C-alpha cells in the first residue's frame, strides 16, 4: 500500500512496516498521554507532562523512538500491515 494509506491504517491501531525492513521493525501510532512527574523534575515540568500524539518506530532490539519518515519512505508503495 502507499504511504497515505499506511498512515491511515496505523492510526486505527495497526502497526505498519516497509516490506524491506528487518523483522521486528515497525511503525505504530502513539496517542496523546499524560504522565505524573515526581521528584526534582517537578520544578521544571510541574506535576504532570502531556506527551503529544506521534508515530513511533520500534526497532528489532525492542527500543522505541519517535519516527520521522524519510523522503523515500513517504514515496514507497510497499507498506504492509504487521500482524
Protein backbone atom coordinates (compact mmCIF):
# COMPACT_ATOMS: atom_id res chain seq x y z
CA UNK A 1 0.00 0.00 0.00
CA UNK A 2 1.11 3.62 -0.40
CA UNK A 3 2.28 5.91 2.41
CA UNK A 4 -1.03 7.76 2.83
CA UNK A 5 -3.00 4.53 3.19
CA UNK A 6 -0.35 3.13 5.53
CA UNK A 7 -0.65 6.13 7.86
CA UNK A 8 -4.44 5.86 7.89
CA UNK A 9 -4.08 2.18 8.76
CA UNK A 10 -1.60 2.92 11.54
CA UNK A 11 -3.97 5.41 13.15
CA UNK A 12 -6.55 2.62 13.53
CA UNK A 13 -4.15 0.81 15.91
CA UNK A 14 -2.42 -1.41 13.35
CA UNK A 15 1.36 -1.49 13.03
CA UNK A 16 2.89 -0.88 9.59
CA UNK A 17 6.27 -1.58 8.02
CA UNK A 18 8.04 -1.50 4.71
CA UNK A 19 8.36 -4.96 3.16
CA UNK A 20 12.14 -4.46 3.05
CA UNK A 21 12.53 -3.75 6.77
CA UNK A 22 14.01 -6.39 9.05
CA UNK A 23 11.66 -8.42 11.27
CA UNK A 24 10.75 -6.55 14.45
CA UNK A 25 10.98 -3.05 12.93
CA UNK A 26 7.62 -1.34 12.53
CA UNK A 27 5.78 1.96 12.94
CA UNK A 28 2.78 2.46 15.20
CA UNK A 29 0.56 5.30 16.36
CA UNK A 30 1.04 6.57 19.91
CA UNK A 31 -1.90 8.64 21.19
CA UNK A 32 -1.56 11.65 23.48
CA UNK A 33 -0.84 10.70 27.07
CA UNK A 34 -0.21 12.35 30.42
CA UNK A 35 2.46 11.31 32.89
CA UNK A 36 2.74 12.27 36.55
CA UNK A 37 6.12 13.77 37.47
CA UNK A 38 7.71 13.38 40.88
CA UNK A 39 10.98 14.42 42.46
CA UNK A 40 13.33 17.17 41.36
CA UNK A 41 11.88 17.45 37.84
CA UNK A 42 8.64 18.93 39.16
CA UNK A 43 10.47 22.29 39.36
CA UNK A 44 10.82 22.17 35.55
CA UNK A 45 7.61 20.44 34.49
CA UNK A 46 5.10 20.78 37.31
CA UNK A 47 3.31 17.66 38.48
CA UNK A 48 2.18 16.43 35.04
CA UNK A 49 3.55 16.31 31.50
CA UNK A 50 1.49 15.86 28.34
CA UNK A 51 3.11 13.86 25.54
CA UNK A 52 1.55 14.74 22.18
CA UNK A 53 0.33 12.13 19.73
CA UNK A 54 3.01 10.82 17.41
CA UNK A 55 4.17 7.99 15.20
CA UNK A 56 6.68 5.72 16.91
CA UNK A 57 9.25 3.34 15.46
CA UNK A 58 10.03 0.02 17.15
CA UNK A 59 13.44 -1.41 16.35
CA UNK A 60 14.31 -5.13 16.29
CA UNK A 61 16.15 -4.78 19.63
CA UNK A 62 12.87 -3.67 21.26
CA UNK A 63 13.75 0.01 21.60
CA UNK A 64 11.16 2.62 20.60
CA UNK A 65 11.72 6.16 19.33
CA UNK A 66 9.75 8.90 17.60
CA UNK A 67 9.59 8.31 13.85
CA UNK A 68 10.39 10.88 11.18
CA UNK A 69 9.86 9.25 7.77
CA UNK A 70 12.44 9.80 5.06
CA UNK A 71 11.54 11.06 1.60
CA UNK A 72 12.00 7.54 0.24
CA UNK A 73 9.65 6.14 2.89
CA UNK A 74 6.94 8.68 2.01
CA UNK A 75 7.17 7.72 -1.66
CA UNK A 76 7.22 3.96 -1.11
CA UNK A 77 4.31 1.78 -2.22
CA UNK A 78 5.40 -1.39 -0.42
CA UNK A 79 3.92 -0.67 3.04
CA UNK A 80 2.31 -3.65 4.76
CA UNK A 81 0.32 -4.27 7.93
CA UNK A 82 2.30 -6.06 10.65
CA UNK A 83 0.42 -8.83 12.46
